[in-house]
Amino acid sequence: MNDRVRARNLAAVVMAAGRGTRMRDPSKAKVLYEIDGRPMIHFVADLAFDLGASRVIIIVGYQREAVTEYVRRSHPEVECVVQAEQLGTGHAVMQSERALNGFEGDVVVLSGDVPLLTRESMNELLVHHAKSGAVATILTAEFEDPTGYGRIIRNSDGSVEKIVEHKDASASERTVREINSGIYVFDKVKLFNGLSHITQHNVQHEYYLTDVFEYFWRNKWMVSALKASHPDEIRGVNTFDQLEEVKRVLMGRKL
């Protein structure tokens, strides 16, 4: 993959503020659970720098002192920004705006609990984003059983028409197996423009990052998507069983 296709500067925002209430030890920050002897956040920070990000912002919240202490030792170039209240994914990314003041280019949004993503897949996403001319590009995956995931509904030209949550999907939309991974690339200016227009008017009273897409579509700005070649890469860790499964996948790669 030719990295030169994407000439724009890149920053990475890593969401790592979550509590991990469904893990065996909820007193421990989820991103500090280890895989192959290293916390999950280590793999994601490695990836951000491997992609050539000139700025890597990690959003910390729960157990923020422990997370910050670890990443500053393991990746001294990282900047940690505090999300004092857990008010949703959109709110988490909002916290990076001041840190990214003066930065021009694209922002990739990663999750600290998705440690299996590879440089190859993410480079494909970044190149696709650059070629498409879209203001945002979503990494997607096709699952045999997409129950519970937001579905990607595409236009006839392949761009994204909408994201429909499982509970809101019609019978025909639920047959779609392409799902939203929660990994994105945004034009930085459009991202924070969109974030300034989202609200907490929802059941959870949170700021959802996916609400920026509604703003983009209202403004006729294109959103593109790229399907991951290896769906295992987008596995997130929310439970101890999922952590064990991620460990098995990583071990399989080594073998």
Protein backbone atom coordinates (compact mmCIF):
# COMPACT_ATOMS: atom_id res chain seq x y z
CA MET A 1 0.00 0.00 0.00
CA ASN A 2 1.42 3.35 -1.05
CA ASP A 3 1.45 5.65 1.97
CA ARG A 4 2.33 8.58 -0.29
CA VAL A 5 -1.25 8.64 -1.56
CA ARG A 6 -2.22 10.20 1.77
CA ALA A 7 -0.08 13.33 1.93
CA ARG A 8 -2.11 15.00 4.69
CA ASN A 9 -0.83 15.17 8.25
CA LEU A 10 -2.29 12.61 10.63
CA ALA A 11 -3.22 12.81 14.30
CA ALA A 12 -4.65 9.97 16.37
CA VAL A 13 -7.22 10.23 19.15
CA VAL A 14 -7.44 7.10 21.30
CA MET A 15 -10.49 6.64 23.51
CA ALA A 16 -9.30 5.07 26.76
CA ALA A 17 -11.49 6.55 29.47
CA GLY A 18 -13.82 3.61 30.08
CA ARG A 19 -14.31 1.78 33.36
CA GLY A 20 -14.74 -1.79 32.15
CA THR A 21 -17.58 -2.69 34.48
CA ARG A 22 -18.04 -6.13 32.93
CA MET A 23 -14.44 -7.19 33.48
CA ARG A 24 -13.50 -9.35 36.48
CA ASP A 25 -11.88 -6.45 38.32
CA PRO A 26 -13.95 -3.32 37.68
CA SER A 27 -11.57 -1.31 39.88
CA LYS A 28 -8.98 -1.58 37.10
CA ALA A 29 -9.07 0.53 33.94
CA LYS A 30 -10.12 -1.70 31.07
CA VAL A 31 -7.27 -0.62 28.78
CA LEU A 32 -4.72 -1.80 31.36
CA TYR A 33 -5.78 -5.45 31.13
CA GLU A 34 -2.88 -7.34 29.61
CA ILE A 35 -2.50 -9.36 26.43
CA ASP A 36 0.78 -11.18 25.95
CA GLY A 37 2.34 -9.31 28.85
CA ARG A 38 1.37 -5.78 27.78
CA PRO A 39 -1.74 -3.70 28.45
CA MET A 40 -4.19 -3.31 25.58
CA ILE A 41 -3.45 0.40 25.35
CA HIS A 42 0.17 -0.41 24.47
CA PHE A 43 -0.88 -2.12 21.23
CA VAL A 44 -3.13 0.77 20.22
CA ALA A 45 -0.49 3.42 20.95
CA ASP A 46 2.03 1.40 18.94
CA LEU A 47 -0.41 1.33 16.04
CA ALA A 48 -1.00 5.09 16.15
CA PHE A 49 2.71 5.81 15.84
CA ASP A 50 3.19 3.06 13.24
CA LEU A 51 0.64 4.88 11.08
CA GLY A 52 2.83 7.96 11.14
CA ALA A 53 0.64 10.06 13.42
CA SER A 54 2.51 13.22 14.38
CA ARG A 55 0.21 13.72 17.36
CA VAL A 56 -1.22 10.93 19.53
CA ILE A 57 -3.84 12.06 22.03
CA ILE A 58 -5.11 9.51 24.56
CA ILE A 59 -8.38 10.35 26.27
CA VAL A 60 -8.16 9.13 29.87
CA GLY A 61 -10.86 9.05 32.53
CA TYR A 62 -11.35 6.13 34.87
CA GLN A 63 -8.12 5.34 36.76
CA ARG A 64 -6.55 8.10 34.70
CA GLU A 65 -3.44 8.37 36.86
CA ALA A 66 -2.56 4.70 36.28
CA VAL A 67 -3.25 4.87 32.54
CA THR A 68 -1.32 8.12 32.14
CA GLU A 69 1.63 6.80 34.13
CA TYR A 70 1.84 3.69 31.97
CA VAL A 71 1.59 5.35 28.55
CA ARG A 72 4.01 8.11 29.44
CA ARG A 73 6.59 5.45 30.29
CA SER A 74 5.85 3.26 27.26
CA HIS A 75 5.24 6.05 24.71
CA PRO A 76 6.72 9.34 25.98
CA GLU A 77 5.46 11.29 22.94
CA VAL A 78 1.82 10.60 23.84
CA GLU A 79 -0.37 13.44 25.12
CA CYS A 80 -3.00 12.46 27.70
CA VAL A 81 -6.20 14.49 27.94
CA VAL A 82 -8.72 14.00 30.74
CA GLN A 83 -12.40 13.29 30.18
CA ALA A 84 -13.56 14.17 33.69
CA GLU A 85 -17.14 13.03 33.12
CA GLN A 86 -18.11 10.02 31.01
CA LEU A 87 -20.60 11.71 28.69
CA GLY A 88 -20.24 9.56 25.60
CA THR A 89 -17.93 8.94 22.67
CA GLY A 90 -18.56 12.31 21.08
CA HIS A 91 -17.77 14.02 24.38
CA ALA A 92 -14.54 12.01 24.64
CA VAL A 93 -13.31 13.23 21.24
CA MET A 94 -14.36 16.80 22.08
CA GLN A 95 -11.73 16.77 24.83
CA SER A 96 -8.96 16.59 22.22
CA GLU A 97 -9.91 19.80 20.43
CA ARG A 98 -7.72 22.10 22.50
CA ALA A 99 -4.75 19.73 22.26
CA LEU A 100 -5.14 19.67 18.47
CA ASN A 101 -5.36 23.44 18.14
CA GLY A 102 -3.10 24.40 15.23
CA PHE A 103 -3.00 20.89 13.79
CA GLU A 104 -4.14 20.60 10.17
CA GLY A 105 -4.92 17.31 8.48
CA ASP A 106 -6.83 14.14 9.28
CA VAL A 107 -7.74 12.61 12.64
CA VAL A 108 -8.00 8.86 13.10
CA VAL A 109 -10.15 7.78 16.05
CA LEU A 110 -9.07 4.54 17.70
CA SER A 111 -10.34 2.61 20.72
CA GLY A 112 -8.03 1.59 23.52
CA ASP A 113 -9.93 -1.68 23.90
CA VAL A 114 -9.52 -2.77 20.25
CA PRO A 115 -5.94 -4.10 20.32
CA LEU A 116 -5.91 -6.38 17.24
CA LEU A 117 -6.00 -3.75 14.49
CA THR A 118 -3.01 -3.96 12.16
CA ARG A 119 -1.03 -1.29 10.37
CA GLU A 120 -1.89 -2.91 7.04
CA SER A 121 -5.64 -2.63 7.55
CA MET A 122 -5.45 0.90 8.87
CA ASN A 123 -3.21 2.01 6.02
CA GLU A 124 -5.82 0.65 3.62
CA LEU A 125 -8.43 2.73 5.43
CA LEU A 126 -6.31 5.89 5.30
CA VAL A 127 -5.53 5.48 1.61
CA HIS A 128 -9.19 4.81 0.83
CA HIS A 129 -10.12 7.95 2.75
CA ALA A 130 -7.60 10.05 0.83
CA LYS A 131 -8.71 8.73 -2.56
CA SER A 132 -12.43 9.05 -1.86
CA GLY A 133 -12.39 12.74 -1.03
CA ALA A 134 -14.80 12.02 1.84
CA VAL A 135 -14.90 14.12 5.00
CA ALA A 136 -15.05 10.91 7.04
CA THR A 137 -14.38 7.23 6.44
CA ILE A 138 -15.67 4.36 8.57
CA LEU A 139 -13.90 1.04 9.04
CA THR A 140 -16.56 -1.65 8.75
CA ALA A 141 -16.69 -5.43 8.92
CA GLU A 142 -19.00 -8.16 7.73
CA PHE A 143 -20.21 -10.52 10.44
CA GLU A 144 -22.13 -13.75 10.03
CA ASP A 145 -24.22 -12.67 13.01
CA PRO A 146 -24.39 -8.86 13.21
CA THR A 147 -26.97 -8.84 16.02
CA GLY A 148 -26.54 -5.86 18.28
CA TYR A 149 -24.28 -3.89 15.94
CA GLY A 150 -25.04 -0.72 14.01
CA ARG A 151 -25.61 -1.52 10.33
CA ILE A 152 -23.94 0.35 7.46
CA ILE A 153 -26.47 1.31 4.78
CA ARG A 154 -24.80 2.36 1.54
CA ASN A 155 -25.86 4.49 -1.41
CA SER A 156 -25.73 3.09 -4.94
CA ASP A 157 -22.31 4.72 -5.43
CA GLY A 158 -20.90 2.89 -2.38
CA SER A 159 -20.84 5.91 -0.07
CA VAL A 160 -22.56 5.65 3.30
CA GLU A 161 -26.20 6.73 3.43
CA LYS A 162 -26.76 6.08 7.12
CA ILE A 163 -25.85 4.03 10.17
CA VAL A 164 -28.79 2.24 11.76
CA GLU A 165 -28.57 0.83 15.27
CA HIS A 166 -29.82 -2.74 15.58
CA LYS A 167 -32.77 -1.80 17.78
CA ASP A 168 -33.90 0.82 15.24
CA ALA A 169 -33.33 -1.26 12.10
CA SER A 170 -36.16 -2.44 9.89
CA ALA A 171 -36.50 -6.11 8.97
CA SER A 172 -34.66 -5.54 5.68
CA GLU A 173 -31.94 -3.45 7.34
CA ARG A 174 -31.32 -6.24 9.85
CA THR A 175 -30.37 -8.53 6.96
CA VAL A 176 -27.37 -6.26 6.28
CA ARG A 177 -24.24 -7.90 7.69
CA GLU A 178 -21.88 -4.92 7.32
CA ILE A 179 -21.41 -3.29 10.71
CA ASN A 180 -19.81 -0.17 12.14
CA SER A 181 -16.53 -0.92 13.94
CA GLY A 182 -16.27 2.45 15.71
CA ILE A 183 -12.92 3.15 14.00
CA TYR A 184 -12.93 6.31 11.87
CA VAL A 185 -10.86 8.81 9.91
CA PHE A 186 -12.07 12.41 9.80
CA ASP A 187 -11.07 15.67 8.21
CA LYS A 188 -10.07 17.53 11.38
CA VAL A 189 -11.95 20.76 10.63
CA LYS A 190 -15.15 18.95 9.66
CA LEU A 191 -14.92 16.68 12.72
CA PHE A 192 -14.87 19.49 15.28
CA ASN A 193 -17.38 21.49 13.25
CA GLY A 194 -19.72 18.50 13.48
CA LEU A 195 -19.03 17.93 17.18
CA SER A 196 -20.06 21.51 17.94
CA HIS A 197 -23.53 20.69 16.58
CA ILE A 198 -24.33 17.43 18.39
CA THR A 199 -26.49 17.33 21.52
CA GLN A 200 -27.35 15.10 24.48
CA HIS A 201 -30.97 14.75 23.39
CA ASN A 202 -31.12 10.96 23.62
CA VAL A 203 -32.03 8.25 26.12
CA GLN A 204 -28.52 8.09 27.61
CA HIS A 205 -28.09 11.90 27.72
CA GLU A 206 -24.69 11.46 26.09
CA TYR A 207 -22.87 12.96 23.14
CA TYR A 208 -22.58 10.21 20.49
CA LEU A 209 -19.70 10.46 18.04
CA THR A 210 -21.89 8.87 15.35
CA ASP A 211 -24.19 11.92 15.53
CA VAL A 212 -21.58 13.91 13.59
CA PHE A 213 -22.46 11.84 10.52
CA GLU A 214 -26.00 13.18 10.59
CA TYR A 215 -24.53 16.68 10.47
CA PHE A 216 -22.29 15.71 7.55
CA TRP A 217 -25.20 14.26 5.59
CA ARG A 218 -27.35 17.33 6.20
CA ASN A 219 -24.53 19.37 4.65
CA LYS A 220 -24.22 16.95 1.66
CA TRP A 221 -20.70 15.96 2.71
CA MET A 222 -19.66 12.49 1.63
CA VAL A 223 -19.00 9.72 4.15
CA SER A 224 -17.19 6.65 2.82
CA ALA A 225 -16.54 3.21 4.29
CA LEU A 226 -14.03 0.42 3.85
CA LYS A 227 -14.72 -3.17 4.83
CA ALA A 228 -11.94 -4.76 6.88
CA SER A 229 -10.33 -7.76 5.19
CA HIS A 230 -10.02 -9.52 8.55
CA PRO A 231 -13.07 -8.95 10.78
CA ASP A 232 -11.20 -10.35 13.81
CA GLU A 233 -9.18 -7.15 13.88
CA ILE A 234 -12.09 -5.03 15.06
CA ARG A 235 -12.88 -7.18 18.07
CA GLY A 236 -13.40 -5.02 21.13
CA VAL A 237 -12.91 -6.15 24.71
CA ASN A 238 -15.84 -5.58 27.06
CA THR A 239 -15.78 -8.81 29.06
CA PHE A 240 -13.16 -11.19 30.42
CA ASP A 241 -14.28 -13.84 27.89
CA GLN A 242 -13.67 -11.40 25.04
CA LEU A 243 -10.24 -10.67 26.48
CA GLU A 244 -9.45 -14.39 26.37
CA GLU A 245 -10.67 -14.61 22.78
CA VAL A 246 -8.44 -11.70 21.75
CA LYS A 247 -5.52 -13.46 23.42
CA ARG A 248 -6.26 -16.59 21.33
CA VAL A 249 -6.36 -14.55 18.11
CA LEU A 250 -3.02 -12.91 18.92
CA MET A 251 -1.47 -16.27 19.72
CA GLY A 252 -2.75 -17.63 16.41
CA ARG A 253 -1.02 -14.78 14.57
CA LYS A 254 2.26 -15.64 16.26
CA LEU A 255 1.94 -19.30 15.30
